[in-house]
Amino acid sequence: MSLLFYAVCIIGAVLGGLVLLVLYSLLVMAQRGDACLEQLEMEMFNNQQAAPPPNTSEKPENLRVPATSDLYHGGTV
């Protein structure tokens, strides 16, 4: 067998190993991303449960807003 055959086999093995390494790295990063996303969702869920209930106090019925004419004339009609 020639030296060219051995060179092609070595280069093929190296490139194949690199492809497997990249695929493995992508798989590990995806798993870590999923774990971090789940942890973030759980923290947000726990924060929502710990938050005080919204304020449901009654608002005054008289919410008078001055008209534009009142604003230009100093509030007197």
N, C-alpha and C. Protein backbone atom coordinates (compact mmCIF):
# COMPACT_ATOMS: atom_id res chain seq x y z
N MET A 1 0.84 -1.17 0.00
CA MET A 1 0.00 0.00 0.00
C MET A 1 0.89 1.24 0.00
N SER A 2 0.38 2.25 -0.61
CA SER A 2 1.21 3.43 -0.80
C SER A 2 1.07 4.41 0.36
N LEU A 3 1.96 5.34 0.38
CA LEU A 3 1.96 6.38 1.41
C LEU A 3 0.72 7.27 1.27
N LEU A 4 0.22 7.46 0.07
CA LEU A 4 -0.97 8.26 -0.16
C LEU A 4 -2.19 7.63 0.51
N PHE A 5 -2.30 6.31 0.44
CA PHE A 5 -3.41 5.60 1.07
C PHE A 5 -3.39 5.82 2.58
N TYR A 6 -2.23 5.71 3.20
CA TYR A 6 -2.11 5.93 4.64
C TYR A 6 -2.45 7.38 5.00
N ALA A 7 -2.02 8.32 4.20
CA ALA A 7 -2.30 9.74 4.45
C ALA A 7 -3.81 10.00 4.38
N VAL A 8 -4.47 9.41 3.39
CA VAL A 8 -5.91 9.59 3.25
C VAL A 8 -6.63 8.97 4.44
N CYS A 9 -6.20 7.79 4.88
CA CYS A 9 -6.82 7.14 6.03
C CYS A 9 -6.63 7.96 7.31
N ILE A 10 -5.45 8.50 7.51
CA ILE A 10 -5.19 9.31 8.71
C ILE A 10 -6.00 10.59 8.68
N ILE A 11 -6.02 11.25 7.53
CA ILE A 11 -6.80 12.49 7.41
C ILE A 11 -8.29 12.20 7.61
N GLY A 12 -8.78 11.10 7.07
CA GLY A 12 -10.18 10.72 7.25
C GLY A 12 -10.51 10.45 8.72
N ALA A 13 -9.61 9.76 9.41
CA ALA A 13 -9.84 9.47 10.82
C ALA A 13 -9.84 10.76 11.64
N VAL A 14 -8.93 11.67 11.35
CA VAL A 14 -8.86 12.94 12.08
C VAL A 14 -10.12 13.77 11.83
N LEU A 15 -10.53 13.87 10.56
CA LEU A 15 -11.72 14.65 10.26
C LEU A 15 -12.98 14.01 10.85
N GLY A 16 -13.05 12.69 10.80
CA GLY A 16 -14.18 12.00 11.42
C GLY A 16 -14.23 12.23 12.92
N GLY A 17 -13.07 12.20 13.57
CA GLY A 17 -13.02 12.48 14.99
C GLY A 17 -13.45 13.90 15.32
N LEU A 18 -13.04 14.83 14.49
CA LEU A 18 -13.45 16.22 14.69
C LEU A 18 -14.96 16.40 14.54
N VAL A 19 -15.52 15.71 13.55
CA VAL A 19 -16.98 15.80 13.36
C VAL A 19 -17.70 15.23 14.57
N LEU A 20 -17.24 14.08 15.07
CA LEU A 20 -17.86 13.49 16.26
C LEU A 20 -17.71 14.41 17.48
N LEU A 21 -16.56 15.03 17.61
CA LEU A 21 -16.33 15.95 18.72
C LEU A 21 -17.27 17.15 18.65
N VAL A 22 -17.46 17.69 17.47
CA VAL A 22 -18.36 18.84 17.31
C VAL A 22 -19.80 18.42 17.62
N LEU A 23 -20.22 17.27 17.12
CA LEU A 23 -21.58 16.81 17.40
C LEU A 23 -21.80 16.57 18.89
N TYR A 24 -20.82 15.98 19.54
CA TYR A 24 -20.92 15.74 20.98
C TYR A 24 -21.00 17.07 21.75
N SER A 25 -20.18 18.03 21.34
CA SER A 25 -20.19 19.34 22.00
C SER A 25 -21.53 20.03 21.83
N LEU A 26 -22.11 19.95 20.64
CA LEU A 26 -23.42 20.55 20.42
C LEU A 26 -24.49 19.87 21.27
N LEU A 27 -24.41 18.57 21.40
CA LEU A 27 -25.37 17.83 22.23
C LEU A 27 -25.25 18.24 23.69
N VAL A 28 -24.04 18.36 24.20
CA VAL A 28 -23.83 18.74 25.59
C VAL A 28 -24.32 20.17 25.83
N MET A 29 -24.03 21.07 24.90
CA MET A 29 -24.49 22.45 25.06
C MET A 29 -26.01 22.53 25.04
N ALA A 30 -26.65 21.74 24.20
CA ALA A 30 -28.12 21.74 24.15
C ALA A 30 -28.70 21.24 25.46
N GLN A 31 -28.10 20.21 26.03
CA GLN A 31 -28.59 19.68 27.31
C GLN A 31 -28.40 20.72 28.42
N ARG A 32 -27.28 21.40 28.43
CA ARG A 32 -27.05 22.42 29.45
C ARG A 32 -28.01 23.58 29.28
N GLY A 33 -28.27 23.94 28.03
CA GLY A 33 -29.23 25.01 27.77
C GLY A 33 -30.62 24.65 28.26
N ASP A 34 -31.03 23.41 28.03
CA ASP A 34 -32.34 22.96 28.52
C ASP A 34 -32.39 23.00 30.04
N ALA A 35 -31.32 22.56 30.68
CA ALA A 35 -31.28 22.56 32.14
C ALA A 35 -31.35 23.99 32.68
N CYS A 36 -30.62 24.91 32.06
CA CYS A 36 -30.65 26.30 32.50
C CYS A 36 -32.02 26.92 32.27
N LEU A 37 -32.66 26.58 31.15
CA LEU A 37 -33.99 27.10 30.87
C LEU A 37 -35.00 26.59 31.88
N GLU A 38 -34.93 25.32 32.23
CA GLU A 38 -35.83 24.77 33.24
C GLU A 38 -35.61 25.44 34.59
N GLN A 39 -34.35 25.67 34.95
CA GLN A 39 -34.06 26.32 36.22
C GLN A 39 -34.61 27.75 36.23
N LEU A 40 -34.45 28.46 35.13
CA LEU A 40 -34.97 29.82 35.03
C LEU A 40 -36.49 29.83 35.14
N GLU A 41 -37.15 28.88 34.48
CA GLU A 41 -38.61 28.81 34.56
C GLU A 41 -39.06 28.52 35.99
N MET A 42 -38.35 27.64 36.69
CA MET A 42 -38.71 27.33 38.07
C MET A 42 -38.52 28.55 38.97
N GLU A 43 -37.44 29.32 38.77
CA GLU A 43 -37.22 30.52 39.56
C GLU A 43 -38.31 31.55 39.31
N MET A 44 -38.71 31.71 38.05
CA MET A 44 -39.78 32.65 37.73
C MET A 44 -41.10 32.19 38.36
N PHE A 45 -41.36 30.90 38.32
CA PHE A 45 -42.58 30.35 38.90
C PHE A 45 -42.59 30.56 40.41
N ASN A 46 -41.45 30.32 41.06
CA ASN A 46 -41.37 30.51 42.51
C ASN A 46 -41.51 31.98 42.88
N ASN A 47 -40.96 32.87 42.07
CA ASN A 47 -41.08 34.31 42.34
C ASN A 47 -42.52 34.77 42.20
N GLN A 48 -43.26 34.20 41.25
CA GLN A 48 -44.65 34.58 41.08
C GLN A 48 -45.48 34.09 42.25
N GLN A 49 -45.15 32.94 42.79
CA GLN A 49 -45.89 32.42 43.93
C GLN A 49 -45.59 33.23 45.19
N ALA A 50 -44.38 33.72 45.34
CA ALA A 50 -43.98 34.45 46.54
C ALA A 50 -44.40 35.91 46.49
N ALA A 51 -44.80 36.39 45.33
CA ALA A 51 -45.18 37.80 45.20
C ALA A 51 -46.49 38.05 45.93
N PRO A 52 -46.65 39.23 46.53
CA PRO A 52 -47.90 39.55 47.22
C PRO A 52 -49.04 39.69 46.21
N PRO A 53 -50.26 39.47 46.65
CA PRO A 53 -51.39 39.60 45.72
C PRO A 53 -51.52 41.06 45.27
N PRO A 54 -52.06 41.27 44.10
CA PRO A 54 -52.18 42.65 43.61
C PRO A 54 -53.12 43.46 44.49
N ASN A 55 -52.87 44.76 44.56
CA ASN A 55 -53.65 45.66 45.38
C ASN A 55 -55.01 45.87 44.73
N THR A 56 -56.07 45.54 45.45
CA THR A 56 -57.42 45.65 44.89
C THR A 56 -58.22 46.72 45.63
N SER A 57 -57.56 47.78 46.09
CA SER A 57 -58.27 48.84 46.79
C SER A 57 -59.17 49.59 45.82
N GLU A 58 -60.25 50.16 46.38
CA GLU A 58 -61.17 50.90 45.54
C GLU A 58 -60.57 52.24 45.15
N LYS A 59 -60.83 52.62 43.92
CA LYS A 59 -60.34 53.90 43.45
C LYS A 59 -61.45 54.94 43.61
N PRO A 60 -61.08 56.18 43.86
CA PRO A 60 -62.12 57.19 43.99
C PRO A 60 -62.89 57.35 42.68
N GLU A 61 -64.19 57.63 42.83
CA GLU A 61 -65.02 57.75 41.64
C GLU A 61 -64.83 59.09 40.93
N ASN A 62 -64.43 60.11 41.66
CA ASN A 62 -64.28 61.44 41.08
C ASN A 62 -62.86 61.60 40.55
N LEU A 63 -62.66 61.19 39.33
CA LEU A 63 -61.35 61.36 38.68
C LEU A 63 -61.47 62.46 37.64
N ARG A 64 -61.69 63.67 38.11
CA ARG A 64 -61.90 64.79 37.20
C ARG A 64 -60.57 65.24 36.62
N VAL A 65 -60.51 65.31 35.32
CA VAL A 65 -59.34 65.80 34.62
C VAL A 65 -59.72 67.13 34.01
N PRO A 66 -58.93 68.17 34.24
CA PRO A 66 -59.30 69.48 33.67
C PRO A 66 -59.27 69.45 32.15
N ALA A 67 -60.21 70.12 31.59
CA ALA A 67 -60.26 70.22 30.13
C ALA A 67 -59.15 71.14 29.64
N THR A 68 -58.92 71.13 28.35
CA THR A 68 -57.83 71.96 27.82
C THR A 68 -58.13 73.44 28.01
N SER A 69 -59.42 73.83 27.97
CA SER A 69 -59.73 75.25 28.19
C SER A 69 -59.40 75.66 29.61
N ASP A 70 -59.59 74.75 30.58
CA ASP A 70 -59.22 75.06 31.95
C ASP A 70 -57.71 75.24 32.10
N LEU A 71 -56.97 74.48 31.37
CA LEU A 71 -55.53 74.59 31.46
C LEU A 71 -55.03 75.89 30.89
N TYR A 72 -55.64 76.36 29.80
CA TYR A 72 -55.18 77.59 29.17
C TYR A 72 -55.62 78.83 29.95
N HIS A 73 -56.74 78.77 30.68
CA HIS A 73 -57.25 79.93 31.37
C HIS A 73 -56.93 79.92 32.85
N GLY A 74 -56.02 79.09 33.28
CA GLY A 74 -55.60 79.08 34.66
C GLY A 74 -56.57 78.36 35.57
N GLY A 75 -57.44 77.55 35.05
CA GLY A 75 -58.34 76.76 35.87
C GLY A 75 -59.64 77.46 36.19
N THR A 76 -59.81 78.71 35.80
CA THR A 76 -61.06 79.42 36.08
C THR A 76 -61.90 79.45 34.83
N VAL A 77 -63.20 79.36 35.02
CA VAL A 77 -64.10 79.36 33.86
C VAL A 77 -64.88 80.63 33.81
